[in-house]
Amino acid sequence: MELGAFSVSLAVKDIEASKQFYEKLGFTVFHGDQAQNWLILKNGDTVIGLFQGMFENNILTFNPGWNQNAETLPEFTDVRELQRQLKANGVTMMTEADESTTGPASFMIADPDGNTILVDQHV
């Protein structure tokens, strides 16, 4: 099962302070809008998102259809197919993608320790 590009979405208290901290670690802003309280940063192939006031806890994020540079892949497993496979394997959904649609969609699950996993397709 190929889930797509991986990143960690961090719930931050002060996006500017967090941006400055991660820049000291070698990360650079890759996408986002700080005025809207979200930034995506990269260091090599490592991607993190900084999100102020959008969610309570950190989230593991997978983006089907993208590589680590947010470039669309020629072939990938659609988020709705991933959802069907996970449900067939007994994974409980927190939120679900509408299987009657195509294109961008997402679902969320939690691991046994309560860590949220977001599978978020943008293409």
PDB file of N, CA and C in Angstrom:
ATOM      1  N   MET A   1       0.852  -1.181   0.000  1.00  0.00           N
ATOM      2  CA  MET A   1       0.000   0.000   0.000  1.00  0.00           C
ATOM      3  C   MET A   1       0.893   1.237   0.000  1.00  0.00           C
ATOM      4  N   GLU A   2       0.793   2.032  -1.043  1.00  0.00           N
ATOM      5  CA  GLU A   2       1.576   3.274  -1.168  1.00  0.00           C
ATOM      6  C   GLU A   2       0.696   4.443  -0.751  1.00  0.00           C
ATOM      7  N   LEU A   3       1.073   5.110   0.342  1.00  0.00           N
ATOM      8  CA  LEU A   3       0.263   6.191   0.896  1.00  0.00           C
ATOM      9  C   LEU A   3       0.613   7.572   0.344  1.00  0.00           C
ATOM     10  N   GLY A   4       1.726   7.696  -0.348  1.00  0.00           N
ATOM     11  CA  GLY A   4       2.111   8.995  -0.908  1.00  0.00           C
ATOM     12  C   GLY A   4       3.138   9.714  -0.056  1.00  0.00           C
ATOM     13  N   ALA A   5       3.331  10.986  -0.363  1.00  0.00           N
ATOM     14  CA  ALA A   5       4.320  11.816   0.329  1.00  0.00           C
ATOM     15  C   ALA A   5       3.988  11.881   1.820  1.00  0.00           C
ATOM     16  N   PHE A   6       5.026  11.874   2.655  1.00  0.00           N
ATOM     17  CA  PHE A   6       4.835  11.895   4.108  1.00  0.00           C
ATOM     18  C   PHE A   6       5.331  13.208   4.682  1.00  0.00           C
ATOM     19  N   SER A   7       4.604  13.709   5.667  1.00  0.00           N
ATOM     20  CA  SER A   7       5.055  14.864   6.448  1.00  0.00           C
ATOM     21  C   SER A   7       4.460  14.761   7.840  1.00  0.00           C
ATOM     22  N   VAL A   8       5.006  15.550   8.736  1.00  0.00           N
ATOM     23  CA  VAL A   8       4.451  15.693  10.069  1.00  0.00           C
ATOM     24  C   VAL A   8       3.851  17.086  10.151  1.00  0.00           C
ATOM     25  N   SER A   9       2.590  17.144  10.523  1.00  0.00           N
ATOM     26  CA  SER A   9       1.894  18.424  10.687  1.00  0.00           C
ATOM     27  C   SER A   9       1.925  18.781  12.169  1.00  0.00           C
ATOM     28  N   LEU A  10       2.615  19.864  12.491  1.00  0.00           N
ATOM     29  CA  LEU A  10       2.807  20.261  13.880  1.00  0.00           C
ATOM     30  C   LEU A  10       1.819  21.346  14.280  1.00  0.00           C
ATOM     31  N   ALA A  11       1.132  21.127  15.387  1.00  0.00           N
ATOM     32  CA  ALA A  11       0.263  22.150  15.970  1.00  0.00           C
ATOM     33  C   ALA A  11       1.162  23.075  16.785  1.00  0.00           C
ATOM     34  N   VAL A  12       1.343  24.307  16.319  1.00  0.00           N
ATOM     35  CA  VAL A  12       2.277  25.229  16.969  1.00  0.00           C
ATOM     36  C   VAL A  12       1.519  26.371  17.645  1.00  0.00           C
ATOM     37  N   LYS A  13       2.143  26.937  18.683  1.00  0.00           N
ATOM     38  CA  LYS A  13       1.540  28.052  19.420  1.00  0.00           C
ATOM     39  C   LYS A  13       1.862  29.395  18.777  1.00  0.00           C
ATOM     40  N   ASP A  14       3.069  29.517  18.197  1.00  0.00           N
ATOM     41  CA  ASP A  14       3.523  30.772  17.593  1.00  0.00           C
ATOM     42  C   ASP A  14       4.245  30.420  16.299  1.00  0.00           C
ATOM     43  N   ILE A  15       3.565  30.622  15.176  1.00  0.00           N
ATOM     44  CA  ILE A  15       4.110  30.168  13.895  1.00  0.00           C
ATOM     45  C   ILE A  15       5.428  30.849  13.553  1.00  0.00           C
ATOM     46  N   GLU A  16       5.585  32.109  13.887  1.00  0.00           N
ATOM     47  CA  GLU A  16       6.840  32.814  13.592  1.00  0.00           C
ATOM     48  C   GLU A  16       7.989  32.233  14.405  1.00  0.00           C
ATOM     49  N   ALA A  17       7.759  32.007  15.697  1.00  0.00           N
ATOM     50  CA  ALA A  17       8.809  31.422  16.547  1.00  0.00           C
ATOM     51  C   ALA A  17       9.169  30.020  16.051  1.00  0.00           C
ATOM     52  N   SER A  18       8.158  29.231  15.666  1.00  0.00           N
ATOM     53  CA  SER A  18       8.421  27.884  15.171  1.00  0.00           C
ATOM     54  C   SER A  18       9.168  27.927  13.848  1.00  0.00           C
ATOM     55  N   LYS A  19       8.772  28.829  12.948  1.00  0.00           N
ATOM     56  CA  LYS A  19       9.468  28.965  11.663  1.00  0.00           C
ATOM     57  C   LYS A  19      10.942  29.299  11.896  1.00  0.00           C
ATOM     58  N   GLN A  20      11.203  30.261  12.755  1.00  0.00           N
ATOM     59  CA  GLN A  20      12.589  30.639  13.033  1.00  0.00           C
ATOM     60  C   GLN A  20      13.381  29.478  13.622  1.00  0.00           C
ATOM     61  N   PHE A  21      12.771  28.713  14.526  1.00  0.00           N
ATOM     62  CA  PHE A  21      13.446  27.566  15.122  1.00  0.00           C
ATOM     63  C   PHE A  21      13.806  26.534  14.059  1.00  0.00           C
ATOM     64  N   TYR A  22      12.848  26.149  13.233  1.00  0.00           N
ATOM     65  CA  TYR A  22      13.114  25.112  12.228  1.00  0.00           C
ATOM     66  C   TYR A  22      14.062  25.609  11.132  1.00  0.00           C
ATOM     67  N   GLU A  23      14.077  26.899  10.859  1.00  0.00           N
ATOM     68  CA  GLU A  23      15.066  27.439   9.920  1.00  0.00           C
ATOM     69  C   GLU A  23      16.480  27.266  10.480  1.00  0.00           C
ATOM     70  N   LYS A  24      16.636  27.366  11.796  1.00  0.00           N
ATOM     71  CA  LYS A  24      17.941  27.129  12.426  1.00  0.00           C
ATOM     72  C   LYS A  24      18.385  25.678  12.252  1.00  0.00           C
ATOM     73  N   LEU A  25      17.413  24.770  12.075  1.00  0.00           N
ATOM     74  CA  LEU A  25      17.730  23.357  11.851  1.00  0.00           C
ATOM     75  C   LEU A  25      17.944  23.048  10.370  1.00  0.00           C
ATOM     76  N   GLY A  26      17.866  24.069   9.512  1.00  0.00           N
ATOM     77  CA  GLY A  26      18.118  23.884   8.089  1.00  0.00           C
ATOM     78  C   GLY A  26      16.881  23.753   7.228  1.00  0.00           C
ATOM     79  N   PHE A  27      15.708  23.918   7.800  1.00  0.00           N
ATOM     80  CA  PHE A  27      14.477  23.865   7.026  1.00  0.00           C
ATOM     81  C   PHE A  27      14.258  25.206   6.320  1.00  0.00           C
ATOM     82  N   THR A  28      13.635  25.149   5.138  1.00  0.00           N
ATOM     83  CA  THR A  28      13.255  26.358   4.412  1.00  0.00           C
ATOM     84  C   THR A  28      11.771  26.267   4.059  1.00  0.00           C
ATOM     85  N   VAL A  29      11.137  27.430   3.985  1.00  0.00           N
ATOM     86  CA  VAL A  29       9.716  27.469   3.645  1.00  0.00           C
ATOM     87  C   VAL A  29       9.546  26.995   2.211  1.00  0.00           C
ATOM     88  N   PHE A  30       8.624  26.072   2.018  1.00  0.00           N
ATOM     89  CA  PHE A  30       8.383  25.418   0.736  1.00  0.00           C
ATOM     90  C   PHE A  30       7.025  25.823   0.160  1.00  0.00           C
ATOM     91  N   HIS A  31       6.018  25.902   0.996  1.00  0.00           N
ATOM     92  CA  HIS A  31       4.656  26.289   0.621  1.00  0.00           C
ATOM     93  C   HIS A  31       4.011  26.969   1.825  1.00  0.00           C
ATOM     94  N   GLY A  32       2.828  27.494   1.613  1.00  0.00           N
ATOM     95  CA  GLY A  32       2.039  27.989   2.727  1.00  0.00           C
ATOM     96  C   GLY A  32       1.812  29.474   2.699  1.00  0.00           C
ATOM     97  N   ASP A  33       1.136  29.945   3.727  1.00  0.00           N
ATOM     98  CA  ASP A  33       0.808  31.353   3.880  1.00  0.00           C
ATOM     99  C   ASP A  33       0.819  31.676   5.366  1.00  0.00           C
ATOM    100  N   GLN A  34       1.876  32.325   5.807  1.00  0.00           N
ATOM    101  CA  GLN A  34       2.015  32.611   7.229  1.00  0.00           C
ATOM    102  C   GLN A  34       0.873  33.490   7.731  1.00  0.00           C
ATOM    103  N   ALA A  35       0.330  34.379   6.886  1.00  0.00           N
ATOM    104  CA  ALA A  35      -0.801  35.221   7.278  1.00  0.00           C
ATOM    105  C   ALA A  35      -2.042  34.375   7.579  1.00  0.00           C
ATOM    106  N   GLN A  36      -2.117  33.175   6.982  1.00  0.00           N
ATOM    107  CA  GLN A  36      -3.221  32.242   7.252  1.00  0.00           C
ATOM    108  C   GLN A  36      -2.836  31.209   8.309  1.00  0.00           C
ATOM    109  N   ASN A  37      -1.673  31.382   8.931  1.00  0.00           N
ATOM    110  CA  ASN A  37      -1.191  30.536  10.026  1.00  0.00           C
ATOM    111  C   ASN A  37      -0.822  29.121   9.617  1.00  0.00           C
ATOM    112  N   TRP A  38      -0.291  28.946   8.382  1.00  0.00           N
ATOM    113  CA  TRP A  38       0.225  27.636   8.010  1.00  0.00           C
ATOM    114  C   TRP A  38       1.414  27.796   7.055  1.00  0.00           C
ATOM    115  N   LEU A  39       2.424  26.970   7.276  1.00  0.00           N
ATOM    116  CA  LEU A  39       3.629  26.930   6.435  1.00  0.00           C
ATOM    117  C   LEU A  39       4.062  25.482   6.279  1.00  0.00           C
ATOM    118  N   ILE A  40       4.631  25.166   5.111  1.00  0.00           N
ATOM    119  CA  ILE A  40       5.227  23.863   4.865  1.00  0.00           C
ATOM    120  C   ILE A  40       6.722  24.104   4.666  1.00  0.00           C
ATOM    121  N   LEU A  41       7.545  23.375   5.407  1.00  0.00           N
ATOM    122  CA  LEU A  41       8.995  23.536   5.350  1.00  0.00           C
ATOM    123  C   LEU A  41       9.651  22.231   4.934  1.00  0.00           C
ATOM    124  N   LYS A  42      10.819  22.360   4.278  1.00  0.00           N
ATOM    125  CA  LYS A  42      11.568  21.177   3.831  1.00  0.00           C
ATOM    126  C   LYS A  42      13.022  21.286   4.268  1.00  0.00           C
ATOM    127  N   ASN A  43      13.594  20.127   4.518  1.00  0.00           N
ATOM    128  CA  ASN A  43      15.026  19.964   4.730  1.00  0.00           C
ATOM    129  C   ASN A  43      15.374  18.657   4.031  1.00  0.00           C
ATOM    130  N   GLY A  44      15.965  18.748   2.838  1.00  0.00           N
ATOM    131  CA  GLY A  44      16.169  17.544   2.025  1.00  0.00           C
ATOM    132  C   GLY A  44      14.823  16.985   1.644  1.00  0.00           C
ATOM    133  N   ASP A  45      14.595  15.696   1.910  1.00  0.00           N
ATOM    134  CA  ASP A  45      13.304  15.070   1.620  1.00  0.00           C
ATOM    135  C   ASP A  45      12.341  15.122   2.799  1.00  0.00           C
ATOM    136  N   THR A  46      12.784  15.710   3.915  1.00  0.00           N
ATOM    137  CA  THR A  46      11.950  15.784   5.110  1.00  0.00           C
ATOM    138  C   THR A  46      11.024  16.992   5.027  1.00  0.00           C
ATOM    139  N   VAL A  47       9.731  16.744   5.245  1.00  0.00           N
ATOM    140  CA  VAL A  47       8.719  17.802   5.150  1.00  0.00           C
ATOM    141  C   VAL A  47       7.974  17.896   6.471  1.00  0.00           C
ATOM    142  N   ILE A  48       7.838  19.134   6.977  1.00  0.00           N
ATOM    143  CA  ILE A  48       7.009  19.387   8.148  1.00  0.00           C
ATOM    144  C   ILE A  48       6.065  20.533   7.829  1.00  0.00           C
ATOM    145  N   GLY A  49       4.912  20.490   8.438  1.00  0.00           N
ATOM    146  CA  GLY A  49       3.962  21.588   8.325  1.00  0.00           C
ATOM    147  C   GLY A  49       3.807  22.242   9.677  1.00  0.00           C
ATOM    148  N   LEU A  50       3.743  23.566   9.691  1.00  0.00           N
ATOM    149  CA  LEU A  50       3.482  24.322  10.911  1.00  0.00           C
ATOM    150  C   LEU A  50       2.081  24.897  10.801  1.00  0.00           C
ATOM    151  N   PHE A  51       1.223  24.596  11.772  1.00  0.00           N
ATOM    152  CA  PHE A  51      -0.168  25.027  11.741  1.00  0.00           C
ATOM    153  C   PHE A  51      -0.533  25.631  13.088  1.00  0.00           C
ATOM    154  N   GLN A  52      -0.811  26.928  13.090  1.00  0.00           N
ATOM    155  CA  GLN A  52      -1.173  27.614  14.328  1.00  0.00           C
ATOM    156  C   GLN A  52      -2.688  27.749  14.416  1.00  0.00           C
ATOM    157  N   GLY A  53      -3.263  27.208  15.497  1.00  0.00           N
ATOM    158  CA  GLY A  53      -4.687  27.362  15.753  1.00  0.00           C
ATOM    159  C   GLY A  53      -5.602  26.541  14.876  1.00  0.00           C
ATOM    160  N   MET A  54      -5.079  25.528  14.188  1.00  0.00           N
ATOM    161  CA  MET A  54      -5.914  24.741  13.275  1.00  0.00           C
ATOM    162  C   MET A  54      -6.310  23.380  13.843  1.00  0.00           C
ATOM    163  N   PHE A  55      -5.490  22.823  14.714  1.00  0.00           N
ATOM    164  CA  PHE A  55      -5.813  21.559  15.363  1.00  0.00           C
ATOM    165  C   PHE A  55      -5.017  21.460  16.645  1.00  0.00           C
ATOM    166  N   GLU A  56      -5.448  20.560  17.545  1.00  0.00           N
ATOM    167  CA  GLU A  56      -4.856  20.485  18.880  1.00  0.00           C
ATOM    168  C   GLU A  56      -3.535  19.728  18.942  1.00  0.00           C
ATOM    169  N   ASN A  57      -3.442  18.615  18.225  1.00  0.00           N
ATOM    170  CA  ASN A  57      -2.278  17.746  18.350  1.00  0.00           C
ATOM    171  C   ASN A  57      -1.555  17.600  17.016  1.00  0.00           C
ATOM    172  N   ASN A  58      -0.337  17.115  17.079  1.00  0.00           N
ATOM    173  CA  ASN A  58       0.426  16.836  15.870  1.00  0.00           C
ATOM    174  C   ASN A  58      -0.238  15.704  15.091  1.00  0.00           C
ATOM    175  N   ILE A  59      -0.075  15.738  13.767  1.00  0.00           N
ATOM    176  CA  ILE A  59      -0.716  14.761  12.897  1.00  0.00           C
ATOM    177  C   ILE A  59       0.310  14.205  11.915  1.00  0.00           C
ATOM    178  N   LEU A  60       0.297  12.892  11.707  1.00  0.00           N
ATOM    179  CA  LEU A  60       1.078  12.274  10.640  1.00  0.00           C
ATOM    180  C   LEU A  60       0.262  12.433   9.365  1.00  0.00           C
ATOM    181  N   THR A  61       0.862  12.952   8.302  1.00  0.00           N
ATOM    182  CA  THR A  61       0.125  13.252   7.077  1.00  0.00           C
ATOM    183  C   THR A  61       0.729  12.512   5.891  1.00  0.00           C
ATOM    184  N   PHE A  62      -0.140  11.910   5.083  1.00  0.00           N
ATOM    185  CA  PHE A  62       0.252  11.272   3.828  1.00  0.00           C
ATOM    186  C   PHE A  62      -0.548  11.917   2.713  1.00  0.00           C
ATOM    187  N   ASN A  63       0.108  12.172   1.584  1.00  0.00           N
ATOM    188  CA  ASN A  63      -0.539  12.792   0.425  1.00  0.00           C
ATOM    189  C   ASN A  63      -0.448  11.884  -0.796  1.00  0.00           C
ATOM    190  N   PRO A  64      -1.484  11.040  -1.028  1.00  0.00           N
ATOM    191  CA  PRO A  64      -1.495  10.224  -2.234  1.00  0.00           C
ATOM    192  C   PRO A  64      -1.448  11.116  -3.476  1.00  0.00           C
ATOM    193  N   GLY A  65      -0.682  10.678  -4.469  1.00  0.00           N
ATOM    194  CA  GLY A  65      -0.595  11.434  -5.716  1.00  0.00           C
ATOM    195  C   GLY A  65       0.530  12.441  -5.766  1.00  0.00           C
ATOM    196  N   TRP A  66       1.240  12.615  -4.653  1.00  0.00           N
ATOM    197  CA  TRP A  66       2.359  13.563  -4.610  1.00  0.00           C
ATOM    198  C   TRP A  66       3.643  12.859  -4.237  1.00  0.00           C
ATOM    199  N   ASN A  67       4.766  13.395  -4.740  1.00  0.00           N
ATOM    200  CA  ASN A  67       6.074  13.003  -4.226  1.00  0.00           C
ATOM    201  C   ASN A  67       6.460  14.007  -3.135  1.00  0.00           C
ATOM    202  N   GLN A  68       7.648  13.887  -2.591  1.00  0.00           N
ATOM    203  CA  GLN A  68       8.076  14.751  -1.484  1.00  0.00           C
ATOM    204  C   GLN A  68       8.257  16.216  -1.903  1.00  0.00           C
ATOM    205  N   ASN A  69       8.202  16.511  -3.206  1.00  0.00           N
ATOM    206  CA  ASN A  69       8.289  17.890  -3.691  1.00  0.00           C
ATOM    207  C   ASN A  69       6.915  18.444  -4.071  1.00  0.00           C
ATOM    208  N   ALA A  70       5.857  17.764  -3.662  1.00  0.00           N
ATOM    209  CA  ALA A  70       4.473  18.149  -3.969  1.00  0.00           C
ATOM    210  C   ALA A  70       4.218  18.176  -5.471  1.00  0.00           C
ATOM    211  N   GLU A  71       4.914  17.298  -6.196  1.00  0.00           N
ATOM    212  CA  GLU A  71       4.704  17.154  -7.632  1.00  0.00           C
ATOM    213  C   GLU A  71       3.776  15.965  -7.858  1.00  0.00           C
ATOM    214  N   THR A  72       2.840  16.129  -8.772  1.00  0.00           N
ATOM    215  CA  THR A  72       1.865  15.077  -9.050  1.00  0.00           C
ATOM    216  C   THR A  72       2.545  13.867  -9.688  1.00  0.00           C
ATOM    217  N   LEU A  73       2.235  12.698  -9.158  1.00  0.00           N
ATOM    218  CA  LEU A  73       2.764  11.442  -9.692  1.00  0.00           C
ATOM    219  C   LEU A  73       1.913  10.993 -10.875  1.00  0.00           C
ATOM    220  N   PRO A  74       2.536  10.350 -11.878  1.00  0.00           N
ATOM    221  CA  PRO A  74       1.751   9.882 -13.027  1.00  0.00           C
ATOM    222  C   PRO A  74       0.770   8.776 -12.661  1.00  0.00           C
ATOM    223  N   GLU A  75       1.113   7.971 -11.682  1.00  0.00           N
ATOM    224  CA  GLU A  75       0.244   6.889 -11.219  1.00  0.00           C
ATOM    225  C   GLU A  75       0.297   6.841  -9.701  1.00  0.00           C
ATOM    226  N   PHE A  76      -0.854   6.612  -9.082  1.00  0.00           N
ATOM    227  CA  PHE A  76      -0.928   6.493  -7.626  1.00  0.00           C
ATOM    228  C   PHE A  76      -2.243   5.833  -7.250  1.00  0.00           C
ATOM    229  N   THR A  77      -2.310   5.350  -6.020  1.00  0.00           N
ATOM    230  CA  THR A  77      -3.542   4.760  -5.513  1.00  0.00           C
ATOM    231  C   THR A  77      -4.413   5.869  -4.937  1.00  0.00           C
ATOM    232  N   ASP A  78      -5.633   5.989  -5.468  1.00  0.00           N
ATOM    233  CA  ASP A  78      -6.560   7.023  -5.038  1.00  0.00           C
ATOM    234  C   ASP A  78      -6.917   6.859  -3.559  1.00  0.00           C
ATOM    235  N   VAL A  79      -7.141   7.980  -2.898  1.00  0.00           N
ATOM    236  CA  VAL A  79      -7.456   7.992  -1.469  1.00  0.00           C
ATOM    237  C   VAL A  79      -8.672   7.129  -1.139  1.00  0.00           C
ATOM    238  N   ARG A  80      -9.658   7.070  -2.040  1.00  0.00           N
ATOM    239  CA  ARG A  80     -10.848   6.262  -1.789  1.00  0.00           C
ATOM    240  C   ARG A  80     -10.526   4.772  -1.826  1.00  0.00           C
ATOM    241  N   GLU A  81      -9.602   4.359  -2.705  1.00  0.00           N
ATOM    242  CA  GLU A  81      -9.165   2.968  -2.741  1.00  0.00           C
ATOM    243  C   GLU A  81      -8.369   2.630  -1.483  1.00  0.00           C
ATOM    244  N   LEU A  82      -7.518   3.532  -1.045  1.00  0.00           N
ATOM    245  CA  LEU A  82      -6.778   3.312   0.207  1.00  0.00           C
ATOM    246  C   LEU A  82      -7.762   3.133   1.369  1.00  0.00           C
ATOM    247  N   GLN A  83      -8.777   3.973   1.397  1.00  0.00           N
ATOM    248  CA  GLN A  83      -9.798   3.883   2.446  1.00  0.00           C
ATOM    249  C   GLN A  83     -10.493   2.527   2.407  1.00  0.00           C
ATOM    250  N   ARG A  84     -10.874   2.069   1.221  1.00  0.00           N
ATOM    251  CA  ARG A  84     -11.532   0.759   1.092  1.00  0.00           C
ATOM    252  C   ARG A  84     -10.626  -0.360   1.603  1.00  0.00           C
ATOM    253  N   GLN A  85      -9.337  -0.309   1.249  1.00  0.00           N
ATOM    254  CA  GLN A  85      -8.396  -1.341   1.682  1.00  0.00           C
ATOM    255  C   GLN A  85      -8.244  -1.335   3.203  1.00  0.00           C
ATOM    256  N   LEU A  86      -8.132  -0.148   3.785  1.00  0.00           N
ATOM    257  CA  LEU A  86      -7.962  -0.063   5.240  1.00  0.00           C
ATOM    258  C   LEU A  86      -9.216  -0.558   5.973  1.00  0.00           C
ATOM    259  N   LYS A  87     -10.369  -0.168   5.491  1.00  0.00           N
ATOM    260  CA  LYS A  87     -11.620  -0.630   6.108  1.00  0.00           C
ATOM    261  C   LYS A  87     -11.732  -2.151   5.999  1.00  0.00           C
ATOM    262  N   ALA A  88     -11.341  -2.711   4.855  1.00  0.00           N
ATOM    263  CA  ALA A  88     -11.364  -4.163   4.674  1.00  0.00           C
ATOM    264  C   ALA A  88     -10.407  -4.858   5.639  1.00  0.00           C
ATOM    265  N   ASN A  89      -9.342  -4.136   6.046  1.00  0.00           N
ATOM    266  CA  ASN A  89      -8.375  -4.678   7.006  1.00  0.00           C
ATOM    267  C   ASN A  89      -8.779  -4.396   8.451  1.00  0.00           C
ATOM    268  N   GLY A  90      -9.977  -3.847   8.661  1.00  0.00           N
ATOM    269  CA  GLY A  90     -10.478  -3.637  10.018  1.00  0.00           C
ATOM    270  C   GLY A  90     -10.085  -2.326  10.658  1.00  0.00           C
ATOM    271  N   VAL A  91      -9.549  -1.386   9.886  1.00  0.00           N
ATOM    272  CA  VAL A  91      -9.167  -0.091  10.442  1.00  0.00           C
ATOM    273  C   VAL A  91     -10.419   0.783  10.559  1.00  0.00           C
ATOM    274  N   THR A  92     -10.609   1.377  11.729  1.00  0.00           N
ATOM    275  CA  THR A  92     -11.752   2.255  11.990  1.00  0.00           C
ATOM    276  C   THR A  92     -11.437   3.666  11.512  1.00  0.00           C
ATOM    277  N   MET A  93     -12.370   4.255  10.799  1.00  0.00           N
ATOM    278  CA  MET A  93     -12.221   5.610  10.272  1.00  0.00           C
ATOM    279  C   MET A  93     -12.703   6.645  11.293  1.00  0.00           C
ATOM    280  N   MET A  94     -11.930   7.719  11.448  1.00  0.00           N
ATOM    281  CA  MET A  94     -12.383   8.874  12.231  1.00  0.00           C
ATOM    282  C   MET A  94     -13.245   9.771  11.338  1.00  0.00           C
ATOM    283  N   THR A  95     -12.760   9.998  10.121  1.00  0.00           N
ATOM    284  CA  THR A  95     -13.523  10.688   9.080  1.00  0.00           C
ATOM    285  C   THR A  95     -13.313   9.891   7.807  1.00  0.00           C
ATOM    286  N   GLU A  96     -14.222  10.057   6.846  1.00  0.00           N
ATOM    287  CA  GLU A  96     -14.127   9.285   5.612  1.00  0.00           C
ATOM    288  C   GLU A  96     -14.203  10.179   4.384  1.00  0.00           C
ATOM    289  N   ALA A  97     -13.518   9.736   3.330  1.00  0.00           N
ATOM    290  CA  ALA A  97     -13.655  10.360   2.018  1.00  0.00           C
ATOM    291  C   ALA A  97     -14.964   9.887   1.408  1.00  0.00           C
ATOM    292  N   ASP A  98     -15.615  10.761   0.675  1.00  0.00           N
ATOM    293  CA  ASP A  98     -16.857  10.404  -0.021  1.00  0.00           C
ATOM    294  C   ASP A  98     -16.477   9.548  -1.225  1.00  0.00           C
ATOM    295  N   GLU A  99     -16.844   8.291  -1.188  1.00  0.00           N
ATOM    296  CA  GLU A  99     -16.443   7.355  -2.242  1.00  0.00           C
ATOM    297  C   GLU A  99     -17.188   7.561  -3.552  1.00  0.00           C
ATOM    298  N   SER A 100     -18.172   8.443  -3.573  1.00  0.00           N
ATOM    299  CA  SER A 100     -18.890   8.725  -4.820  1.00  0.00           C
ATOM    300  C   SER A 100     -18.238   9.854  -5.618  1.00  0.00           C
ATOM    301  N   THR A 101     -17.145  10.415  -5.083  1.00  0.00           N
ATOM    302  CA  THR A 101     -16.477  11.541  -5.736  1.00  0.00           C
ATOM    303  C   THR A 101     -15.161  11.093  -6.365  1.00  0.00           C
ATOM    304  N   THR A 102     -14.529  12.012  -7.090  1.00  0.00           N
ATOM    305  CA  THR A 102     -13.178  11.820  -7.615  1.00  0.00           C
ATOM    306  C   THR A 102     -12.368  13.060  -7.263  1.00  0.00           C
ATOM    307  N   GLY A 103     -11.052  12.967  -7.427  1.00  0.00           N
ATOM    308  CA  GLY A 103     -10.194  14.122  -7.161  1.00  0.00           C
ATOM    309  C   GLY A 103      -9.861  14.274  -5.691  1.00  0.00           C
ATOM    310  N   PRO A 104      -9.617  15.512  -5.263  1.00  0.00           N
ATOM    311  CA  PRO A 104      -9.198  15.751  -3.884  1.00  0.00           C
ATOM    312  C   PRO A 104     -10.202  15.206  -2.860  1.00  0.00           C
ATOM    313  N   ALA A 105      -9.658  14.573  -1.825  1.00  0.00           N
ATOM    314  CA  ALA A 105     -10.467  14.038  -0.730  1.00  0.00           C
ATOM    315  C   ALA A 105      -9.514  13.606   0.380  1.00  0.00           C
ATOM    316  N   SER A 106     -10.068  13.329   1.542  1.00  0.00           N
ATOM    317  CA  SER A 106      -9.221  12.907   2.657  1.00  0.00           C
ATOM    318  C   SER A 106     -10.012  12.034   3.618  1.00  0.00           C
ATOM    319  N   PHE A 107      -9.260  11.323   4.457  1.00  0.00           N
ATOM    320  CA  PHE A 107      -9.836  10.603   5.587  1.00  0.00           C
ATOM    321  C   PHE A 107      -8.841  10.643   6.722  1.00  0.00           C
ATOM    322  N   MET A 108      -9.333  10.372   7.932  1.00  0.00           N
ATOM    323  CA  MET A 108      -8.462  10.338   9.108  1.00  0.00           C
ATOM    324  C   MET A 108      -8.697   9.054   9.873  1.00  0.00           C
ATOM    325  N   ILE A 109      -7.596   8.527  10.406  1.00  0.00           N
ATOM    326  CA  ILE A 109      -7.624   7.358  11.270  1.00  0.00           C
ATOM    327  C   ILE A 109      -6.735   7.665  12.470  1.00  0.00           C
ATOM    328  N   ALA A 110      -6.756   6.794  13.458  1.00  0.00           N
ATOM    329  CA  ALA A 110      -5.868   6.937  14.611  1.00  0.00           C
ATOM    330  C   ALA A 110      -5.156   5.616  14.832  1.00  0.00           C
ATOM    331  N   ASP A 111      -3.898   5.702  15.245  1.00  0.00           N
ATOM    332  CA  ASP A 111      -3.159   4.481  15.570  1.00  0.00           C
ATOM    333  C   ASP A 111      -3.560   4.017  16.977  1.00  0.00           C
ATOM    334  N   PRO A 112      -3.064   2.868  17.435  1.00  0.00           N
ATOM    335  CA  PRO A 112      -3.480   2.353  18.748  1.00  0.00           C
ATOM    336  C   PRO A 112      -3.179   3.281  19.919  1.00  0.00           C
ATOM    337  N   ASP A 113      -2.241   4.225  19.738  1.00  0.00           N
ATOM    338  CA  ASP A 113      -1.908   5.160  20.809  1.00  0.00           C
ATOM    339  C   ASP A 113      -2.658   6.475  20.699  1.00  0.00           C
ATOM    340  N   GLY A 114      -3.570   6.567  19.723  1.00  0.00           N
ATOM    341  CA  GLY A 114      -4.360   7.781  19.576  1.00  0.00           C
ATOM    342  C   GLY A 114      -3.747   8.841  18.689  1.00  0.00           C
ATOM    343  N   ASN A 115      -2.622   8.538  18.034  1.00  0.00           N
ATOM    344  CA  ASN A 115      -2.016   9.494  17.115  1.00  0.00           C
ATOM    345  C   ASN A 115      -2.859   9.573  15.850  1.00  0.00           C
ATOM    346  N   THR A 116      -3.188  10.794  15.450  1.00  0.00           N
ATOM    347  CA  THR A 116      -4.016  10.997  14.267  1.00  0.00           C
ATOM    348  C   THR A 116      -3.173  10.867  13.010  1.00  0.00           C
ATOM    349  N   ILE A 117      -3.726  10.176  12.018  1.00  0.00           N
ATOM    350  CA  ILE A 117      -3.111  10.023  10.694  1.00  0.00           C
ATOM    351  C   ILE A 117      -4.098  10.574   9.691  1.00  0.00           C
ATOM    352  N   LEU A 118      -3.654  11.561   8.925  1.00  0.00           N
ATOM    353  CA  LEU A 118      -4.465  12.176   7.884  1.00  0.00           C
ATOM    354  C   LEU A 118      -3.952  11.705   6.523  1.00  0.00           C
ATOM    355  N   VAL A 119      -4.822  11.161   5.705  1.00  0.00           N
ATOM    356  CA  VAL A 119      -4.492  10.807   4.334  1.00  0.00           C
ATOM    357  C   VAL A 119      -5.254  11.814   3.475  1.00  0.00           C
ATOM    358  N   ASP A 120      -4.506  12.742   2.868  1.00  0.00           N
ATOM    359  CA  ASP A 120      -5.068  13.940   2.253  1.00  0.00           C
ATOM    360  C   ASP A 120      -4.604  14.061   0.814  1.00  0.00           C
ATOM    361  N   GLN A 121      -5.481  13.717  -0.106  1.00  0.00           N
ATOM    362  CA  GLN A 121      -5.159  13.771  -1.544  1.00  0.00           C
ATOM    363  C   GLN A 121      -5.555  15.120  -2.112  1.00  0.00           C
ATOM    364  N   HIS A 122      -4.612  15.794  -2.767  1.00  0.00           N
ATOM    365  CA  HIS A 122      -4.852  17.119  -3.338  1.00  0.00           C
ATOM    366  C   HIS A 122      -5.087  17.100  -4.846  1.00  0.00           C
ATOM    367  N   VAL A 123      -4.897  15.943  -5.494  1.00  0.00           N
ATOM    368  CA  VAL A 123      -5.040  15.862  -6.955  1.00  0.00           C
ATOM    369  C   VAL A 123      -6.205  14.969  -7.343  1.00  0.00           C
TER     370      VAL A 123
END
